[in-house]
Amino acid sequence: MNAHDDPQFVIDDLAAKAGGYFAMPSKEEMAFTDLFFNICNQFGIHYASASPKARFFVDEVTRVTWAHMHGEKTAPSFSSFAKSDISA
């Protein structure tokens, strides 16, 4: 049997051409994906058929929510504007 006819060789060859084997997503990647789908469901958006504006909305809400959940700053908060001394 020729090595090129061996099914395992064919799979290995295809994987090498594609950059390697598939790796399972990490727990963090799965958590982000779950958050993404939860936000899509919350706002009734089917991402695959959504408009670019709706996709951008979902992407941004997911990004900001994820950052907030992990204590990262994404932008100045509204409270920082409300506390500023603005004299009339």
N, C-alpha and C. Protein backbone atom coordinates (compact mmCIF):
# COMPACT_ATOMS: atom_id res chain seq x y z
N MET A 1 0.85 -1.19 0.00
CA MET A 1 0.00 0.00 0.00
C MET A 1 0.88 1.24 0.00
N ASN A 2 0.62 2.12 -0.90
CA ASN A 2 1.35 3.37 -1.01
C ASN A 2 0.94 4.29 0.14
N ALA A 3 1.90 5.06 0.69
CA ALA A 3 1.60 5.96 1.80
C ALA A 3 0.54 6.99 1.43
N HIS A 4 0.51 7.38 0.16
CA HIS A 4 -0.47 8.37 -0.28
C HIS A 4 -1.89 7.79 -0.34
N ASP A 5 -2.01 6.48 -0.34
CA ASP A 5 -3.32 5.83 -0.35
C ASP A 5 -3.83 5.57 1.06
N ASP A 6 -2.96 5.70 2.04
CA ASP A 6 -3.35 5.46 3.43
C ASP A 6 -4.24 6.62 3.90
N PRO A 7 -5.45 6.32 4.39
CA PRO A 7 -6.37 7.39 4.82
C PRO A 7 -5.76 8.31 5.87
N GLN A 8 -4.98 7.76 6.80
CA GLN A 8 -4.36 8.60 7.83
C GLN A 8 -3.38 9.58 7.22
N PHE A 9 -2.62 9.15 6.22
CA PHE A 9 -1.68 10.04 5.54
C PHE A 9 -2.44 11.17 4.84
N VAL A 10 -3.55 10.82 4.20
CA VAL A 10 -4.34 11.83 3.48
C VAL A 10 -4.85 12.88 4.46
N ILE A 11 -5.34 12.44 5.62
CA ILE A 11 -5.84 13.38 6.64
C ILE A 11 -4.70 14.25 7.16
N ASP A 12 -3.57 13.63 7.46
CA ASP A 12 -2.41 14.38 7.94
C ASP A 12 -1.94 15.40 6.90
N ASP A 13 -1.94 14.99 5.65
CA ASP A 13 -1.52 15.88 4.57
C ASP A 13 -2.46 17.07 4.44
N LEU A 14 -3.76 16.82 4.50
CA LEU A 14 -4.75 17.91 4.43
C LEU A 14 -4.60 18.85 5.62
N ALA A 15 -4.39 18.27 6.81
CA ALA A 15 -4.22 19.10 8.01
C ALA A 15 -2.98 19.97 7.89
N ALA A 16 -1.90 19.41 7.38
CA ALA A 16 -0.67 20.18 7.23
C ALA A 16 -0.87 21.34 6.25
N LYS A 17 -1.61 21.11 5.18
CA LYS A 17 -1.87 22.16 4.19
C LYS A 17 -2.74 23.27 4.77
N ALA A 18 -3.62 22.89 5.72
CA ALA A 18 -4.54 23.86 6.32
C ALA A 18 -3.93 24.56 7.53
N GLY A 19 -2.73 24.20 7.90
CA GLY A 19 -2.09 24.88 9.02
C GLY A 19 -2.16 24.11 10.32
N GLY A 20 -2.58 22.87 10.30
CA GLY A 20 -2.61 22.05 11.51
C GLY A 20 -3.99 21.51 11.80
N TYR A 21 -4.05 20.72 12.83
CA TYR A 21 -5.32 20.12 13.24
C TYR A 21 -6.18 21.12 13.99
N PHE A 22 -7.44 20.82 14.03
CA PHE A 22 -8.41 21.62 14.77
C PHE A 22 -8.13 21.50 16.27
N ALA A 23 -8.18 22.59 16.97
CA ALA A 23 -8.01 22.58 18.42
C ALA A 23 -9.34 22.99 19.06
N MET A 24 -9.70 22.31 20.13
CA MET A 24 -10.92 22.65 20.84
C MET A 24 -10.80 24.06 21.41
N PRO A 25 -11.90 24.82 21.39
CA PRO A 25 -11.84 26.17 21.96
C PRO A 25 -11.63 26.11 23.47
N SER A 26 -10.99 27.13 23.98
CA SER A 26 -10.76 27.21 25.43
C SER A 26 -12.06 27.55 26.15
N LYS A 27 -12.05 27.43 27.47
CA LYS A 27 -13.23 27.79 28.27
C LYS A 27 -13.56 29.28 28.08
N GLU A 28 -12.52 30.10 27.99
CA GLU A 28 -12.74 31.54 27.81
C GLU A 28 -13.37 31.83 26.44
N GLU A 29 -12.90 31.14 25.41
CA GLU A 29 -13.48 31.32 24.07
C GLU A 29 -14.93 30.87 24.04
N MET A 30 -15.24 29.77 24.73
CA MET A 30 -16.62 29.29 24.79
C MET A 30 -17.51 30.25 25.57
N ALA A 31 -16.98 30.82 26.64
CA ALA A 31 -17.74 31.80 27.43
C ALA A 31 -18.05 33.03 26.59
N PHE A 32 -17.07 33.50 25.80
CA PHE A 32 -17.30 34.65 24.93
C PHE A 32 -18.36 34.32 23.88
N THR A 33 -18.28 33.13 23.30
CA THR A 33 -19.26 32.70 22.30
C THR A 33 -20.65 32.61 22.91
N ASP A 34 -20.75 32.06 24.12
CA ASP A 34 -22.05 31.99 24.81
C ASP A 34 -22.61 33.39 25.04
N LEU A 35 -21.76 34.32 25.47
CA LEU A 35 -22.19 35.70 25.67
C LEU A 35 -22.70 36.30 24.36
N PHE A 36 -21.95 36.08 23.28
CA PHE A 36 -22.33 36.58 21.97
C PHE A 36 -23.72 36.09 21.57
N PHE A 37 -23.95 34.77 21.68
CA PHE A 37 -25.25 34.22 21.30
C PHE A 37 -26.37 34.68 22.23
N ASN A 38 -26.06 34.85 23.52
CA ASN A 38 -27.06 35.37 24.45
C ASN A 38 -27.48 36.79 24.08
N ILE A 39 -26.52 37.60 23.67
CA ILE A 39 -26.85 38.98 23.26
C ILE A 39 -27.66 38.96 21.98
N CYS A 40 -27.29 38.11 21.03
CA CYS A 40 -28.10 37.99 19.80
C CYS A 40 -29.54 37.63 20.15
N ASN A 41 -29.71 36.65 21.03
CA ASN A 41 -31.06 36.23 21.43
C ASN A 41 -31.79 37.34 22.18
N GLN A 42 -31.09 38.02 23.06
CA GLN A 42 -31.70 39.09 23.86
C GLN A 42 -32.30 40.18 22.97
N PHE A 43 -31.61 40.50 21.88
CA PHE A 43 -32.08 41.57 21.00
C PHE A 43 -32.78 41.04 19.75
N GLY A 44 -32.98 39.73 19.67
CA GLY A 44 -33.71 39.14 18.55
C GLY A 44 -32.99 39.30 17.21
N ILE A 45 -31.66 39.20 17.23
CA ILE A 45 -30.87 39.40 16.01
C ILE A 45 -30.32 38.06 15.55
N HIS A 46 -30.61 37.70 14.31
CA HIS A 46 -30.01 36.52 13.68
C HIS A 46 -28.80 37.02 12.93
N TYR A 47 -27.63 36.81 13.52
CA TYR A 47 -26.39 37.45 13.04
C TYR A 47 -26.10 37.17 11.57
N ALA A 48 -26.33 35.94 11.14
CA ALA A 48 -25.98 35.56 9.76
C ALA A 48 -26.76 36.37 8.72
N SER A 49 -27.98 36.77 9.06
CA SER A 49 -28.79 37.51 8.09
C SER A 49 -29.02 38.97 8.52
N ALA A 50 -28.28 39.41 9.53
CA ALA A 50 -28.47 40.78 10.04
C ALA A 50 -27.80 41.80 9.13
N SER A 51 -28.28 43.03 9.23
CA SER A 51 -27.68 44.13 8.48
C SER A 51 -26.31 44.45 9.09
N PRO A 52 -25.46 45.14 8.34
CA PRO A 52 -24.17 45.53 8.91
C PRO A 52 -24.32 46.35 10.19
N LYS A 53 -25.33 47.18 10.25
CA LYS A 53 -25.57 48.00 11.45
C LYS A 53 -25.91 47.12 12.64
N ALA A 54 -26.78 46.11 12.44
CA ALA A 54 -27.16 45.20 13.53
C ALA A 54 -25.97 44.36 13.96
N ARG A 55 -25.16 43.93 13.00
CA ARG A 55 -23.96 43.15 13.34
C ARG A 55 -22.99 43.98 14.17
N PHE A 56 -22.79 45.23 13.76
CA PHE A 56 -21.90 46.12 14.50
C PHE A 56 -22.42 46.30 15.92
N PHE A 57 -23.74 46.47 16.05
CA PHE A 57 -24.35 46.63 17.37
C PHE A 57 -24.05 45.42 18.25
N VAL A 58 -24.30 44.22 17.73
CA VAL A 58 -24.05 43.00 18.50
C VAL A 58 -22.57 42.87 18.85
N ASP A 59 -21.71 43.14 17.88
CA ASP A 59 -20.26 43.06 18.13
C ASP A 59 -19.85 43.99 19.26
N GLU A 60 -20.33 45.22 19.22
CA GLU A 60 -19.95 46.21 20.23
C GLU A 60 -20.54 45.90 21.59
N VAL A 61 -21.81 45.50 21.64
CA VAL A 61 -22.41 45.15 22.93
C VAL A 61 -21.67 43.96 23.54
N THR A 62 -21.34 42.99 22.72
CA THR A 62 -20.60 41.83 23.21
C THR A 62 -19.22 42.25 23.71
N ARG A 63 -18.51 43.07 22.94
CA ARG A 63 -17.17 43.51 23.32
C ARG A 63 -17.19 44.28 24.63
N VAL A 64 -18.11 45.23 24.75
CA VAL A 64 -18.17 46.07 25.95
C VAL A 64 -18.63 45.26 27.15
N THR A 65 -19.60 44.38 26.97
CA THR A 65 -20.08 43.54 28.07
C THR A 65 -18.97 42.63 28.55
N TRP A 66 -18.23 42.02 27.61
CA TRP A 66 -17.13 41.13 27.98
C TRP A 66 -16.07 41.91 28.77
N ALA A 67 -15.73 43.08 28.29
CA ALA A 67 -14.73 43.90 28.97
C ALA A 67 -15.21 44.27 30.37
N HIS A 68 -16.47 44.65 30.48
CA HIS A 68 -17.04 45.02 31.79
C HIS A 68 -17.01 43.83 32.74
N MET A 69 -17.34 42.65 32.24
CA MET A 69 -17.34 41.44 33.07
C MET A 69 -15.94 41.10 33.58
N HIS A 70 -14.92 41.52 32.86
CA HIS A 70 -13.55 41.21 33.23
C HIS A 70 -12.79 42.41 33.80
N GLY A 71 -13.53 43.45 34.16
CA GLY A 71 -12.94 44.60 34.82
C GLY A 71 -12.05 45.46 33.94
N GLU A 72 -12.24 45.38 32.63
CA GLU A 72 -11.44 46.18 31.71
C GLU A 72 -12.18 47.47 31.39
N LYS A 73 -11.44 48.54 31.19
CA LYS A 73 -12.05 49.80 30.76
C LYS A 73 -12.12 49.82 29.25
N THR A 74 -13.25 50.23 28.71
CA THR A 74 -13.39 50.32 27.26
C THR A 74 -13.52 51.75 26.80
N ALA A 75 -14.08 52.60 27.63
CA ALA A 75 -14.31 54.00 27.28
C ALA A 75 -14.63 54.75 28.57
N PRO A 76 -14.54 56.07 28.54
CA PRO A 76 -14.94 56.81 29.73
C PRO A 76 -16.40 56.51 30.08
N SER A 77 -16.65 56.31 31.35
CA SER A 77 -18.03 56.02 31.77
C SER A 77 -18.84 57.30 31.84
N PHE A 78 -20.14 57.16 31.77
CA PHE A 78 -21.04 58.32 31.85
C PHE A 78 -20.87 59.01 33.19
N SER A 79 -20.62 58.22 34.24
CA SER A 79 -20.50 58.82 35.58
C SER A 79 -19.34 59.80 35.66
N SER A 80 -18.28 59.60 34.87
CA SER A 80 -17.16 60.54 34.91
C SER A 80 -17.56 61.89 34.34
N PHE A 81 -18.50 61.90 33.39
CA PHE A 81 -19.00 63.17 32.85
C PHE A 81 -19.95 63.84 33.83
N ALA A 82 -20.76 63.04 34.50
CA ALA A 82 -21.75 63.58 35.43
C ALA A 82 -21.08 64.22 36.64
N LYS A 83 -19.90 63.72 37.04
CA LYS A 83 -19.20 64.23 38.22
C LYS A 83 -18.36 65.47 37.93
N SER A 84 -18.16 65.78 36.68
CA SER A 84 -17.29 66.93 36.37
C SER A 84 -17.93 68.22 36.82
N ASP A 85 -17.10 69.17 37.19
CA ASP A 85 -17.59 70.48 37.64
C ASP A 85 -17.87 71.35 36.43
N ILE A 86 -19.12 71.48 36.13
CA ILE A 86 -19.52 72.36 35.02
C ILE A 86 -20.30 73.51 35.64
N SER A 87 -19.74 74.70 35.58
CA SER A 87 -20.45 75.83 36.15
C SER A 87 -21.24 76.56 35.09
N ALA A 88 -22.38 76.97 35.52
CA ALA A 88 -23.28 77.68 34.61
C ALA A 88 -23.15 79.17 34.79
